Amino acid sequence: NKAVVSTQSTGTFAFTSERKDNCLACSRASQQLTFAGSDPLQAFLDTIGTETGFNLRKPTLTAMVGGENKTLYMSNLPQMEEALRPNLALSFHELNMQDGQEIVVTDPGVKMPVHFILTLT
């Protein structure tokens, strides 16, 4: 819990805000998402855009693959989006993603990176 104090010209207001452990906006906890290994990366992008509670407009997806940080998709720069767009049609297996793999999503509309852990079936 965090105490928040707001001052206005007519007075001061204090209230306590509560933090949920699974809140995607304020928690740094990784979120679990389940997909088939044969699902394309586009399925991940669709899911995080509609089912996670975020209004992601220009997400960037990165992951550690083969020991290197790899950008899977970037939508906020037109040249990078065009170059990485073919990854959206590739399956998680074709992208060398493993069960338990973490994908980090950044977006100009979200203050902190959001971490997702893949469960691949």
PDB file of N, CA and C in Angstrom:
ATOM      1  N   ASN A   1       0.838  -1.187   0.000  1.00  0.00           N
ATOM      2  CA  ASN A   1       0.000   0.000   0.000  1.00  0.00           C
ATOM      3  C   ASN A   1       0.875   1.240   0.000  1.00  0.00           C
ATOM      4  N   LYS A   2       0.421   2.263  -0.662  1.00  0.00           N
ATOM      5  CA  LYS A   2       1.153   3.491  -0.761  1.00  0.00           C
ATOM      6  C   LYS A   2       0.232   4.636  -0.404  1.00  0.00           C
ATOM      7  N   ALA A   3       0.702   5.545   0.388  1.00  0.00           N
ATOM      8  CA  ALA A   3      -0.098   6.716   0.718  1.00  0.00           C
ATOM      9  C   ALA A   3       0.141   7.777  -0.336  1.00  0.00           C
ATOM     10  N   VAL A   4      -0.913   8.387  -0.793  1.00  0.00           N
ATOM     11  CA  VAL A   4      -0.826   9.432  -1.799  1.00  0.00           C
ATOM     12  C   VAL A   4      -1.459  10.684  -1.225  1.00  0.00           C
ATOM     13  N   VAL A   5      -0.760  11.794  -1.359  1.00  0.00           N
ATOM     14  CA  VAL A   5      -1.285  13.066  -0.871  1.00  0.00           C
ATOM     15  C   VAL A   5      -1.428  13.994  -2.055  1.00  0.00           C
ATOM     16  N   SER A   6      -2.581  14.612  -2.160  1.00  0.00           N
ATOM     17  CA  SER A   6      -2.848  15.551  -3.236  1.00  0.00           C
ATOM     18  C   SER A   6      -3.206  16.894  -2.628  1.00  0.00           C
ATOM     19  N   THR A   7      -2.561  17.934  -3.091  1.00  0.00           N
ATOM     20  CA  THR A   7      -2.895  19.268  -2.582  1.00  0.00           C
ATOM     21  C   THR A   7      -3.579  20.066  -3.675  1.00  0.00           C
ATOM     22  N   GLN A   8      -4.586  20.767  -3.286  1.00  0.00           N
ATOM     23  CA  GLN A   8      -5.302  21.658  -4.183  1.00  0.00           C
ATOM     24  C   GLN A   8      -5.470  22.979  -3.460  1.00  0.00           C
ATOM     25  N   SER A   9      -5.895  23.991  -4.157  1.00  0.00           N
ATOM     26  CA  SER A   9      -6.005  25.304  -3.544  1.00  0.00           C
ATOM     27  C   SER A   9      -7.019  25.338  -2.412  1.00  0.00           C
ATOM     28  N   THR A  10      -7.943  24.397  -2.363  1.00  0.00           N
ATOM     29  CA  THR A  10      -8.962  24.404  -1.314  1.00  0.00           C
ATOM     30  C   THR A  10      -8.675  23.440  -0.184  1.00  0.00           C
ATOM     31  N   GLY A  11      -7.639  22.635  -0.279  1.00  0.00           N
ATOM     32  CA  GLY A  11      -7.366  21.704   0.807  1.00  0.00           C
ATOM     33  C   GLY A  11      -6.421  20.595   0.391  1.00  0.00           C
ATOM     34  N   THR A  12      -6.198  19.682   1.310  1.00  0.00           N
ATOM     35  CA  THR A  12      -5.320  18.545   1.078  1.00  0.00           C
ATOM     36  C   THR A  12      -6.119  17.264   1.269  1.00  0.00           C
ATOM     37  N   PHE A  13      -5.925  16.326   0.365  1.00  0.00           N
ATOM     38  CA  PHE A  13      -6.608  15.052   0.423  1.00  0.00           C
ATOM     39  C   PHE A  13      -5.575  13.951   0.510  1.00  0.00           C
ATOM     40  N   ALA A  14      -5.795  12.995   1.370  1.00  0.00           N
ATOM     41  CA  ALA A  14      -4.900  11.848   1.479  1.00  0.00           C
ATOM     42  C   ALA A  14      -5.717  10.576   1.319  1.00  0.00           C
ATOM     43  N   PHE A  15      -5.166   9.618   0.586  1.00  0.00           N
ATOM     44  CA  PHE A  15      -5.831   8.332   0.433  1.00  0.00           C
ATOM     45  C   PHE A  15      -4.777   7.266   0.239  1.00  0.00           C
ATOM     46  N   THR A  16      -5.153   6.046   0.474  1.00  0.00           N
ATOM     47  CA  THR A  16      -4.252   4.919   0.330  1.00  0.00           C
ATOM     48  C   THR A  16      -4.596   4.180  -0.955  1.00  0.00           C
ATOM     49  N   SER A  17      -3.583   3.937  -1.761  1.00  0.00           N
ATOM     50  CA  SER A  17      -3.803   3.151  -2.973  1.00  0.00           C
ATOM     51  C   SER A  17      -3.335   1.726  -2.707  1.00  0.00           C
ATOM     52  N   GLU A  18      -4.043   0.779  -3.277  1.00  0.00           N
ATOM     53  CA  GLU A  18      -3.684  -0.621  -3.099  1.00  0.00           C
ATOM     54  C   GLU A  18      -3.032  -1.143  -4.365  1.00  0.00           C
ATOM     55  N   ARG A  19      -2.075  -2.000  -4.209  1.00  0.00           N
ATOM     56  CA  ARG A  19      -1.383  -2.593  -5.340  1.00  0.00           C
ATOM     57  C   ARG A  19      -1.728  -4.070  -5.395  1.00  0.00           C
ATOM     58  N   LYS A  20      -2.172  -4.511  -6.562  1.00  0.00           N
ATOM     59  CA  LYS A  20      -2.432  -5.931  -6.769  1.00  0.00           C
ATOM     60  C   LYS A  20      -1.149  -6.592  -7.236  1.00  0.00           C
ATOM     61  N   ASP A  21      -0.868  -7.784  -6.713  1.00  0.00           N
ATOM     62  CA  ASP A  21       0.357  -8.486  -7.087  1.00  0.00           C
ATOM     63  C   ASP A  21       0.410  -8.826  -8.567  1.00  0.00           C
ATOM     64  N   ASN A  22      -0.760  -9.013  -9.199  1.00  0.00           N
ATOM     65  CA  ASN A  22      -0.783  -9.393 -10.611  1.00  0.00           C
ATOM     66  C   ASN A  22      -1.129  -8.230 -11.538  1.00  0.00           C
ATOM     67  N   CYS A  23      -1.064  -7.005 -11.036  1.00  0.00           N
ATOM     68  CA  CYS A  23      -1.369  -5.828 -11.853  1.00  0.00           C
ATOM     69  C   CYS A  23      -0.293  -5.663 -12.924  1.00  0.00           C
ATOM     70  N   LEU A  24      -0.694  -5.652 -14.188  1.00  0.00           N
ATOM     71  CA  LEU A  24       0.277  -5.525 -15.267  1.00  0.00           C
ATOM     72  C   LEU A  24       0.855  -4.124 -15.350  1.00  0.00           C
ATOM     73  N   ALA A  25       0.120  -3.138 -14.897  1.00  0.00           N
ATOM     74  CA  ALA A  25       0.582  -1.756 -15.008  1.00  0.00           C
ATOM     75  C   ALA A  25       1.626  -1.397 -13.957  1.00  0.00           C
ATOM     76  N   CYS A  26       1.521  -1.955 -12.765  1.00  0.00           N
ATOM     77  CA  CYS A  26       2.428  -1.536 -11.696  1.00  0.00           C
ATOM     78  C   CYS A  26       3.279  -2.666 -11.128  1.00  0.00           C
ATOM     79  N   SER A  27       3.066  -3.871 -11.559  1.00  0.00           N
ATOM     80  CA  SER A  27       3.821  -5.004 -11.043  1.00  0.00           C
ATOM     81  C   SER A  27       4.949  -5.350 -12.006  1.00  0.00           C
ATOM     82  N   ARG A  28       6.039  -5.785 -11.458  1.00  0.00           N
ATOM     83  CA  ARG A  28       7.137  -6.254 -12.301  1.00  0.00           C
ATOM     84  C   ARG A  28       7.109  -7.773 -12.445  1.00  0.00           C
ATOM     85  N   ALA A  29       6.068  -8.392 -11.925  1.00  0.00           N
ATOM     86  CA  ALA A  29       5.950  -9.845 -12.009  1.00  0.00           C
ATOM     87  C   ALA A  29       5.697 -10.258 -13.467  1.00  0.00           C
ATOM     88  N   SER A  30       6.357 -11.316 -13.885  1.00  0.00           N
ATOM     89  CA  SER A  30       6.143 -11.826 -15.237  1.00  0.00           C
ATOM     90  C   SER A  30       4.768 -12.465 -15.323  1.00  0.00           C
ATOM     91  N   GLN A  31       4.151 -12.326 -16.477  1.00  0.00           N
ATOM     92  CA  GLN A  31       2.826 -12.880 -16.731  1.00  0.00           C
ATOM     93  C   GLN A  31       2.974 -14.127 -17.595  1.00  0.00           C
ATOM     94  N   GLN A  32       2.205 -15.163 -17.284  1.00  0.00           N
ATOM     95  CA  GLN A  32       2.242 -16.424 -18.036  1.00  0.00           C
ATOM     96  C   GLN A  32       1.252 -16.359 -19.203  1.00  0.00           C
ATOM     97  N   LEU A  33       1.683 -16.790 -20.368  1.00  0.00           N
ATOM     98  CA  LEU A  33       0.810 -16.938 -21.529  1.00  0.00           C
ATOM     99  C   LEU A  33       1.092 -18.297 -22.149  1.00  0.00           C
ATOM    100  N   THR A  34       0.038 -18.990 -22.586  1.00  0.00           N
ATOM    101  CA  THR A  34       0.182 -20.322 -23.156  1.00  0.00           C
ATOM    102  C   THR A  34      -0.152 -20.319 -24.639  1.00  0.00           C
ATOM    103  N   PHE A  35       0.716 -20.944 -25.414  1.00  0.00           N
ATOM    104  CA  PHE A  35       0.533 -21.080 -26.856  1.00  0.00           C
ATOM    105  C   PHE A  35       1.038 -22.449 -27.282  1.00  0.00           C
ATOM    106  N   ALA A  36       0.613 -22.888 -28.449  1.00  0.00           N
ATOM    107  CA  ALA A  36       1.214 -24.076 -29.067  1.00  0.00           C
ATOM    108  C   ALA A  36       2.548 -23.642 -29.668  1.00  0.00           C
ATOM    109  N   GLY A  37       3.527 -24.520 -29.648  1.00  0.00           N
ATOM    110  CA  GLY A  37       4.820 -24.191 -30.245  1.00  0.00           C
ATOM    111  C   GLY A  37       4.716 -23.890 -31.728  1.00  0.00           C
ATOM    112  N   SER A  38       3.655 -24.394 -32.359  1.00  0.00           N
ATOM    113  CA  SER A  38       3.452 -24.159 -33.792  1.00  0.00           C
ATOM    114  C   SER A  38       2.698 -22.854 -34.071  1.00  0.00           C
ATOM    115  N   ASP A  39       2.228 -22.173 -33.012  1.00  0.00           N
ATOM    116  CA  ASP A  39       1.531 -20.893 -33.208  1.00  0.00           C
ATOM    117  C   ASP A  39       2.515 -19.842 -33.713  1.00  0.00           C
ATOM    118  N   PRO A  40       2.049 -18.939 -34.577  1.00  0.00           N
ATOM    119  CA  PRO A  40       2.929 -17.871 -35.056  1.00  0.00           C
ATOM    120  C   PRO A  40       3.076 -16.768 -34.001  1.00  0.00           C
ATOM    121  N   LEU A  41       4.134 -16.002 -34.139  1.00  0.00           N
ATOM    122  CA  LEU A  41       4.363 -14.866 -33.247  1.00  0.00           C
ATOM    123  C   LEU A  41       3.190 -13.893 -33.294  1.00  0.00           C
ATOM    124  N   GLN A  42       2.486 -13.835 -34.414  1.00  0.00           N
ATOM    125  CA  GLN A  42       1.313 -12.965 -34.544  1.00  0.00           C
ATOM    126  C   GLN A  42       0.276 -13.288 -33.470  1.00  0.00           C
ATOM    127  N   ALA A  43       0.150 -14.555 -33.089  1.00  0.00           N
ATOM    128  CA  ALA A  43      -0.800 -14.939 -32.041  1.00  0.00           C
ATOM    129  C   ALA A  43      -0.432 -14.278 -30.712  1.00  0.00           C
ATOM    130  N   PHE A  44       0.855 -14.194 -30.413  1.00  0.00           N
ATOM    131  CA  PHE A  44       1.317 -13.515 -29.203  1.00  0.00           C
ATOM    132  C   PHE A  44       0.961 -12.035 -29.272  1.00  0.00           C
ATOM    133  N   LEU A  45       1.256 -11.424 -30.409  1.00  0.00           N
ATOM    134  CA  LEU A  45       0.968  -9.990 -30.587  1.00  0.00           C
ATOM    135  C   LEU A  45      -0.524  -9.718 -30.442  1.00  0.00           C
ATOM    136  N   ASP A  46      -1.360 -10.574 -31.034  1.00  0.00           N
ATOM    137  CA  ASP A  46      -2.817 -10.407 -30.911  1.00  0.00           C
ATOM    138  C   ASP A  46      -3.268 -10.545 -29.464  1.00  0.00           C
ATOM    139  N   THR A  47      -2.712 -11.513 -28.757  1.00  0.00           N
ATOM    140  CA  THR A  47      -3.103 -11.759 -27.366  1.00  0.00           C
ATOM    141  C   THR A  47      -2.723 -10.598 -26.465  1.00  0.00           C
ATOM    142  N   ILE A  48      -1.509 -10.106 -26.583  1.00  0.00           N
ATOM    143  CA  ILE A  48      -1.108  -9.014 -25.686  1.00  0.00           C
ATOM    144  C   ILE A  48      -1.830  -7.718 -26.024  1.00  0.00           C
ATOM    145  N   GLY A  49      -2.332  -7.610 -27.245  1.00  0.00           N
ATOM    146  CA  GLY A  49      -3.072  -6.411 -27.630  1.00  0.00           C
ATOM    147  C   GLY A  49      -4.511  -6.411 -27.183  1.00  0.00           C
ATOM    148  N   THR A  50      -5.070  -7.609 -26.939  1.00  0.00           N
ATOM    149  CA  THR A  50      -6.497  -7.676 -26.614  1.00  0.00           C
ATOM    150  C   THR A  50      -6.808  -8.254 -25.244  1.00  0.00           C
ATOM    151  N   GLU A  51      -5.968  -9.144 -24.733  1.00  0.00           N
ATOM    152  CA  GLU A  51      -6.331  -9.890 -23.528  1.00  0.00           C
ATOM    153  C   GLU A  51      -5.561  -9.520 -22.270  1.00  0.00           C
ATOM    154  N   THR A  52      -4.588  -8.654 -22.354  1.00  0.00           N
ATOM    155  CA  THR A  52      -3.771  -8.365 -21.178  1.00  0.00           C
ATOM    156  C   THR A  52      -4.181  -7.085 -20.461  1.00  0.00           C
ATOM    157  N   GLY A  53      -5.121  -6.342 -20.999  1.00  0.00           N
ATOM    158  CA  GLY A  53      -5.552  -5.110 -20.349  1.00  0.00           C
ATOM    159  C   GLY A  53      -4.759  -3.894 -20.778  1.00  0.00           C
ATOM    160  N   PHE A  54      -3.759  -4.074 -21.621  1.00  0.00           N
ATOM    161  CA  PHE A  54      -3.008  -2.939 -22.130  1.00  0.00           C
ATOM    162  C   PHE A  54      -3.601  -2.467 -23.441  1.00  0.00           C
ATOM    163  N   ASN A  55      -3.370  -1.228 -23.740  1.00  0.00           N
ATOM    164  CA  ASN A  55      -3.748  -0.678 -25.026  1.00  0.00           C
ATOM    165  C   ASN A  55      -2.446  -0.467 -25.798  1.00  0.00           C
ATOM    166  N   LEU A  56      -1.829  -1.573 -26.196  1.00  0.00           N
ATOM    167  CA  LEU A  56      -0.541  -1.505 -26.875  1.00  0.00           C
ATOM    168  C   LEU A  56      -0.731  -1.058 -28.318  1.00  0.00           C
ATOM    169  N   ARG A  57      -0.141   0.067 -28.643  1.00  0.00           N
ATOM    170  CA  ARG A  57      -0.293   0.611 -29.991  1.00  0.00           C
ATOM    171  C   ARG A  57       0.924   0.359 -30.872  1.00  0.00           C
ATOM    172  N   LYS A  58       2.105   0.402 -30.282  1.00  0.00           N
ATOM    173  CA  LYS A  58       3.332   0.224 -31.051  1.00  0.00           C
ATOM    174  C   LYS A  58       4.336  -0.619 -30.255  1.00  0.00           C
ATOM    175  N   PRO A  59       4.011  -1.906 -30.044  1.00  0.00           N
ATOM    176  CA  PRO A  59       4.880  -2.731 -29.209  1.00  0.00           C
ATOM    177  C   PRO A  59       6.185  -3.135 -29.888  1.00  0.00           C
ATOM    178  N   THR A  60       7.181  -3.328 -29.056  1.00  0.00           N
ATOM    179  CA  THR A  60       8.449  -3.924 -29.462  1.00  0.00           C
ATOM    180  C   THR A  60       8.615  -5.190 -28.633  1.00  0.00           C
ATOM    181  N   LEU A  61       8.939  -6.299 -29.295  1.00  0.00           N
ATOM    182  CA  LEU A  61       9.094  -7.595 -28.639  1.00  0.00           C
ATOM    183  C   LEU A  61      10.547  -8.015 -28.707  1.00  0.00           C
ATOM    184  N   THR A  62      11.132  -8.320 -27.550  1.00  0.00           N
ATOM    185  CA  THR A  62      12.502  -8.812 -27.522  1.00  0.00           C
ATOM    186  C   THR A  62      12.571 -10.059 -26.649  1.00  0.00           C
ATOM    187  N   ALA A  63      13.582 -10.887 -26.913  1.00  0.00           N
ATOM    188  CA  ALA A  63      13.781 -12.113 -26.132  1.00  0.00           C
ATOM    189  C   ALA A  63      15.247 -12.517 -26.222  1.00  0.00           C
ATOM    190  N   MET A  64      15.684 -13.265 -25.229  1.00  0.00           N
ATOM    191  CA  MET A  64      17.018 -13.861 -25.271  1.00  0.00           C
ATOM    192  C   MET A  64      16.889 -15.176 -26.039  1.00  0.00           C
ATOM    193  N   VAL A  65      17.528 -15.251 -27.190  1.00  0.00           N
ATOM    194  CA  VAL A  65      17.481 -16.452 -28.025  1.00  0.00           C
ATOM    195  C   VAL A  65      18.923 -16.851 -28.346  1.00  0.00           C
ATOM    196  N   GLY A  66      19.265 -18.059 -27.981  1.00  0.00           N
ATOM    197  CA  GLY A  66      20.626 -18.533 -28.238  1.00  0.00           C
ATOM    198  C   GLY A  66      21.674 -17.698 -27.517  1.00  0.00           C
ATOM    199  N   GLY A  67      21.324 -17.171 -26.355  1.00  0.00           N
ATOM    200  CA  GLY A  67      22.269 -16.381 -25.575  1.00  0.00           C
ATOM    201  C   GLY A  67      22.401 -14.932 -26.012  1.00  0.00           C
ATOM    202  N   GLU A  68      21.625 -14.522 -27.005  1.00  0.00           N
ATOM    203  CA  GLU A  68      21.691 -13.142 -27.487  1.00  0.00           C
ATOM    204  C   GLU A  68      20.329 -12.478 -27.384  1.00  0.00           C
ATOM    205  N   ASN A  69      20.328 -11.187 -27.084  1.00  0.00           N
ATOM    206  CA  ASN A  69      19.087 -10.430 -27.050  1.00  0.00           C
ATOM    207  C   ASN A  69      18.650 -10.193 -28.490  1.00  0.00           C
ATOM    208  N   LYS A  70      17.459 -10.687 -28.836  1.00  0.00           N
ATOM    209  CA  LYS A  70      16.977 -10.615 -30.209  1.00  0.00           C
ATOM    210  C   LYS A  70      15.678  -9.810 -30.263  1.00  0.00           C
ATOM    211  N   THR A  71      15.619  -8.842 -31.167  1.00  0.00           N
ATOM    212  CA  THR A  71      14.377  -8.112 -31.396  1.00  0.00           C
ATOM    213  C   THR A  71      13.527  -8.948 -32.345  1.00  0.00           C
ATOM    214  N   LEU A  72      12.365  -9.372 -31.861  1.00  0.00           N
ATOM    215  CA  LEU A  72      11.465 -10.212 -32.653  1.00  0.00           C
ATOM    216  C   LEU A  72      10.560  -9.367 -33.534  1.00  0.00           C
ATOM    217  N   TYR A  73      10.160  -8.210 -33.010  1.00  0.00           N
ATOM    218  CA  TYR A  73       9.253  -7.330 -33.760  1.00  0.00           C
ATOM    219  C   TYR A  73       9.351  -5.937 -33.175  1.00  0.00           C
ATOM    220  N   MET A  74       9.279  -4.938 -34.054  1.00  0.00           N
ATOM    221  CA  MET A  74       9.296  -3.547 -33.630  1.00  0.00           C
ATOM    222  C   MET A  74       8.348  -2.780 -34.544  1.00  0.00           C
ATOM    223  N   SER A  75       7.326  -2.189 -33.958  1.00  0.00           N
ATOM    224  CA  SER A  75       6.321  -1.526 -34.790  1.00  0.00           C
ATOM    225  C   SER A  75       6.435  -0.011 -34.826  1.00  0.00           C
ATOM    226  N   ASN A  76       7.272   0.578 -33.975  1.00  0.00           N
ATOM    227  CA  ASN A  76       7.287   2.036 -33.919  1.00  0.00           C
ATOM    228  C   ASN A  76       8.230   2.698 -34.917  1.00  0.00           C
ATOM    229  N   LEU A  77       9.077   1.951 -35.580  1.00  0.00           N
ATOM    230  CA  LEU A  77       9.936   2.486 -36.632  1.00  0.00           C
ATOM    231  C   LEU A  77       9.598   1.779 -37.937  1.00  0.00           C
ATOM    232  N   PRO A  78       9.113   2.511 -38.941  1.00  0.00           N
ATOM    233  CA  PRO A  78       8.639   1.873 -40.182  1.00  0.00           C
ATOM    234  C   PRO A  78       9.651   0.933 -40.844  1.00  0.00           C
ATOM    235  N   GLN A  79      10.921   1.318 -40.915  1.00  0.00           N
ATOM    236  CA  GLN A  79      11.910   0.455 -41.569  1.00  0.00           C
ATOM    237  C   GLN A  79      12.142  -0.829 -40.776  1.00  0.00           C
ATOM    238  N   MET A  80      12.169  -0.711 -39.449  1.00  0.00           N
ATOM    239  CA  MET A  80      12.348  -1.908 -38.615  1.00  0.00           C
ATOM    240  C   MET A  80      11.104  -2.790 -38.664  1.00  0.00           C
ATOM    241  N   GLU A  81       9.940  -2.182 -38.659  1.00  0.00           N
ATOM    242  CA  GLU A  81       8.693  -2.953 -38.744  1.00  0.00           C
ATOM    243  C   GLU A  81       8.687  -3.759 -40.031  1.00  0.00           C
ATOM    244  N   GLU A  82       9.059  -3.136 -41.129  1.00  0.00           N
ATOM    245  CA  GLU A  82       9.075  -3.829 -42.421  1.00  0.00           C
ATOM    246  C   GLU A  82      10.087  -4.981 -42.420  1.00  0.00           C
ATOM    247  N   ALA A  83      11.252  -4.741 -41.837  1.00  0.00           N
ATOM    248  CA  ALA A  83      12.298  -5.765 -41.810  1.00  0.00           C
ATOM    249  C   ALA A  83      11.926  -6.948 -40.910  1.00  0.00           C
ATOM    250  N   LEU A  84      11.218  -6.671 -39.810  1.00  0.00           N
ATOM    251  CA  LEU A  84      10.889  -7.715 -38.842  1.00  0.00           C
ATOM    252  C   LEU A  84       9.499  -8.325 -39.028  1.00  0.00           C
ATOM    253  N   ARG A  85       8.685  -7.754 -39.900  1.00  0.00           N
ATOM    254  CA  ARG A  85       7.329  -8.254 -40.138  1.00  0.00           C
ATOM    255  C   ARG A  85       7.290  -9.744 -40.473  1.00  0.00           C
ATOM    256  N   PRO A  86       8.240 -10.288 -41.262  1.00  0.00           N
ATOM    257  CA  PRO A  86       8.194 -11.731 -41.549  1.00  0.00           C
ATOM    258  C   PRO A  86       8.225 -12.615 -40.296  1.00  0.00           C
ATOM    259  N   ASN A  87       8.795 -12.123 -39.192  1.00  0.00           N
ATOM    260  CA  ASN A  87       8.813 -12.907 -37.947  1.00  0.00           C
ATOM    261  C   ASN A  87       7.412 -13.196 -37.435  1.00  0.00           C
ATOM    262  N   LEU A  88       6.450 -12.336 -37.742  1.00  0.00           N
ATOM    263  CA  LEU A  88       5.083 -12.535 -37.251  1.00  0.00           C
ATOM    264  C   LEU A  88       4.455 -13.810 -37.799  1.00  0.00           C
ATOM    265  N   ALA A  89       4.895 -14.251 -38.968  1.00  0.00           N
ATOM    266  CA  ALA A  89       4.361 -15.476 -39.575  1.00  0.00           C
ATOM    267  C   ALA A  89       5.103 -16.727 -39.104  1.00  0.00           C
ATOM    268  N   LEU A  90       6.249 -16.552 -38.451  1.00  0.00           N
ATOM    269  CA  LEU A  90       7.028 -17.702 -37.983  1.00  0.00           C
ATOM    270  C   LEU A  90       6.471 -18.230 -36.670  1.00  0.00           C
ATOM    271  N   SER A  91       6.564 -19.541 -36.499  1.00  0.00           N
ATOM    272  CA  SER A  91       6.092 -20.158 -35.257  1.00  0.00           C
ATOM    273  C   SER A  91       7.116 -19.914 -34.148  1.00  0.00           C
ATOM    274  N   PHE A  92       6.688 -20.152 -32.915  1.00  0.00           N
ATOM    275  CA  PHE A  92       7.610 -20.031 -31.789  1.00  0.00           C
ATOM    276  C   PHE A  92       8.789 -20.981 -31.973  1.00  0.00           C
ATOM    277  N   HIS A  93       8.520 -22.198 -32.463  1.00  0.00           N
ATOM    278  CA  HIS A  93       9.606 -23.155 -32.695  1.00  0.00           C
ATOM    279  C   HIS A  93      10.553 -22.663 -33.780  1.00  0.00           C
ATOM    280  N   GLU A  94      10.015 -22.094 -34.856  1.00  0.00           N
ATOM    281  CA  GLU A  94      10.866 -21.568 -35.931  1.00  0.00           C
ATOM    282  C   GLU A  94      11.727 -20.398 -35.453  1.00  0.00           C
ATOM    283  N   LEU A  95      11.251 -19.684 -34.445  1.00  0.00           N
ATOM    284  CA  LEU A  95      12.019 -18.579 -33.861  1.00  0.00           C
ATOM    285  C   LEU A  95      12.963 -19.057 -32.752  1.00  0.00           C
ATOM    286  N   ASN A  96      13.044 -20.394 -32.582  1.00  0.00           N
ATOM    287  CA  ASN A  96      13.886 -21.020 -31.550  1.00  0.00           C
ATOM    288  C   ASN A  96      13.467 -20.633 -30.134  1.00  0.00           C
ATOM    289  N   MET A  97      12.174 -20.397 -29.944  1.00  0.00           N
ATOM    290  CA  MET A  97      11.639 -20.089 -28.618  1.00  0.00           C
ATOM    291  C   MET A  97      11.381 -21.405 -27.896  1.00  0.00           C
ATOM    292  N   GLN A  98      11.635 -21.411 -26.594  1.00  0.00           N
ATOM    293  CA  GLN A  98      11.481 -22.603 -25.776  1.00  0.00           C
ATOM    294  C   GLN A  98      10.385 -22.396 -24.729  1.00  0.00           C
ATOM    295  N   ASP A  99       9.867 -23.508 -24.220  1.00  0.00           N
ATOM    296  CA  ASP A  99       8.936 -23.440 -23.098  1.00  0.00           C
ATOM    297  C   ASP A  99       9.639 -22.730 -21.943  1.00  0.00           C
ATOM    298  N   GLY A 100       8.973 -21.760 -21.322  1.00  0.00           N
ATOM    299  CA  GLY A 100       9.579 -20.988 -20.240  1.00  0.00           C
ATOM    300  C   GLY A 100      10.315 -19.752 -20.715  1.00  0.00           C
ATOM    301  N   GLN A 101      10.328 -19.542 -22.010  1.00  0.00           N
ATOM    302  CA  GLN A 101      10.999 -18.383 -22.613  1.00  0.00           C
ATOM    303  C   GLN A 101      10.323 -17.090 -22.171  1.00  0.00           C
ATOM    304  N   GLU A 102      11.114 -16.068 -21.924  1.00  0.00           N
ATOM    305  CA  GLU A 102      10.578 -14.760 -21.566  1.00  0.00           C
ATOM    306  C   GLU A 102      10.615 -13.842 -22.781  1.00  0.00           C
ATOM    307  N   ILE A 103       9.495 -13.164 -23.022  1.00  0.00           N
ATOM    308  CA  ILE A 103       9.427 -12.126 -24.043  1.00  0.00           C
ATOM    309  C   ILE A 103       9.166 -10.816 -23.317  1.00  0.00           C
ATOM    310  N   VAL A 104       9.993  -9.822 -23.604  1.00  0.00           N
ATOM    311  CA  VAL A 104       9.847  -8.504 -22.986  1.00  0.00           C
ATOM    312  C   VAL A 104       9.182  -7.588 -24.000  1.00  0.00           C
ATOM    313  N   VAL A 105       8.122  -6.921 -23.554  1.00  0.00           N
ATOM    314  CA  VAL A 105       7.363  -6.028 -24.421  1.00  0.00           C
ATOM    315  C   VAL A 105       7.512  -4.605 -23.903  1.00  0.00           C
ATOM    316  N   THR A 106       7.914  -3.719 -24.792  1.00  0.00           N
ATOM    317  CA  THR A 106       7.933  -2.294 -24.482  1.00  0.00           C
ATOM    318  C   THR A 106       6.974  -1.606 -25.438  1.00  0.00           C
ATOM    319  N   ASP A 107       6.436  -0.488 -24.993  1.00  0.00           N
ATOM    320  CA  ASP A 107       5.481   0.261 -25.803  1.00  0.00           C
ATOM    321  C   ASP A 107       5.513   1.708 -25.308  1.00  0.00           C
ATOM    322  N   PRO A 108       5.447   2.675 -26.216  1.00  0.00           N
ATOM    323  CA  PRO A 108       5.465   4.069 -25.782  1.00  0.00           C
ATOM    324  C   PRO A 108       4.335   4.419 -24.808  1.00  0.00           C
ATOM    325  N   GLY A 109       3.236   3.687 -24.849  1.00  0.00           N
ATOM    326  CA  GLY A 109       2.098   3.971 -23.974  1.00  0.00           C
ATOM    327  C   GLY A 109       2.172   3.312 -22.608  1.00  0.00           C
ATOM    328  N   VAL A 110       3.223   2.513 -22.348  1.00  0.00           N
ATOM    329  CA  VAL A 110       3.382   1.804 -21.083  1.00  0.00           C
ATOM    330  C   VAL A 110       4.709   2.237 -20.469  1.00  0.00           C
ATOM    331  N   LYS A 111       4.683   2.620 -19.211  1.00  0.00           N
ATOM    332  CA  LYS A 111       5.876   3.179 -18.572  1.00  0.00           C
ATOM    333  C   LYS A 111       7.015   2.189 -18.417  1.00  0.00           C
ATOM    334  N   MET A 112       6.703   0.951 -18.061  1.00  0.00           N
ATOM    335  CA  MET A 112       7.740  -0.043 -17.793  1.00  0.00           C
ATOM    336  C   MET A 112       7.628  -1.196 -18.782  1.00  0.00           C
ATOM    337  N   PRO A 113       8.738  -1.883 -19.040  1.00  0.00           N
ATOM    338  CA  PRO A 113       8.646  -3.092 -19.863  1.00  0.00           C
ATOM    339  C   PRO A 113       7.757  -4.121 -19.168  1.00  0.00           C
ATOM    340  N   VAL A 114       7.041  -4.886 -19.959  1.00  0.00           N
ATOM    341  CA  VAL A 114       6.188  -5.941 -19.431  1.00  0.00           C
ATOM    342  C   VAL A 114       6.816  -7.272 -19.838  1.00  0.00           C
ATOM    343  N   HIS A 115       6.946  -8.178 -18.862  1.00  0.00           N
ATOM    344  CA  HIS A 115       7.599  -9.458 -19.084  1.00  0.00           C
ATOM    345  C   HIS A 115       6.547 -10.565 -19.144  1.00  0.00           C
ATOM    346  N   PHE A 116       6.633 -11.375 -20.196  1.00  0.00           N
ATOM    347  CA  PHE A 116       5.728 -12.503 -20.377  1.00  0.00           C
ATOM    348  C   PHE A 116       6.552 -13.779 -20.447  1.00  0.00           C
ATOM    349  N   ILE A 117       6.097 -14.812 -19.754  1.00  0.00           N
ATOM    350  CA  ILE A 117       6.736 -16.122 -19.800  1.00  0.00           C
ATOM    351  C   ILE A 117       5.843 -17.029 -20.643  1.00  0.00           C
ATOM    352  N   LEU A 118       6.455 -17.645 -21.669  1.00  0.00           N
ATOM    353  CA  LEU A 118       5.692 -18.532 -22.554  1.00  0.00           C
ATOM    354  C   LEU A 118       5.611 -19.944 -21.985  1.00  0.00           C
ATOM    355  N   THR A 119       4.414 -20.481 -22.006  1.00  0.00           N
ATOM    356  CA  THR A 119       4.219 -21.912 -21.801  1.00  0.00           C
ATOM    357  C   THR A 119       3.867 -22.446 -23.179  1.00  0.00           C
ATOM    358  N   LEU A 120       4.743 -23.273 -23.734  1.00  0.00           N
ATOM    359  CA  LEU A 120       4.527 -23.815 -25.070  1.00  0.00           C
ATOM    360  C   LEU A 120       4.066 -25.260 -24.949  1.00  0.00           C
ATOM    361  N   THR A 121       2.979 -25.573 -25.638  1.00  0.00           N
ATOM    362  CA  THR A 121       2.424 -26.924 -25.593  1.00  0.00           C
ATOM    363  C   THR A 121       2.744 -27.668 -26.869  1.00  0.00           C
TER     364      THR A 121
END
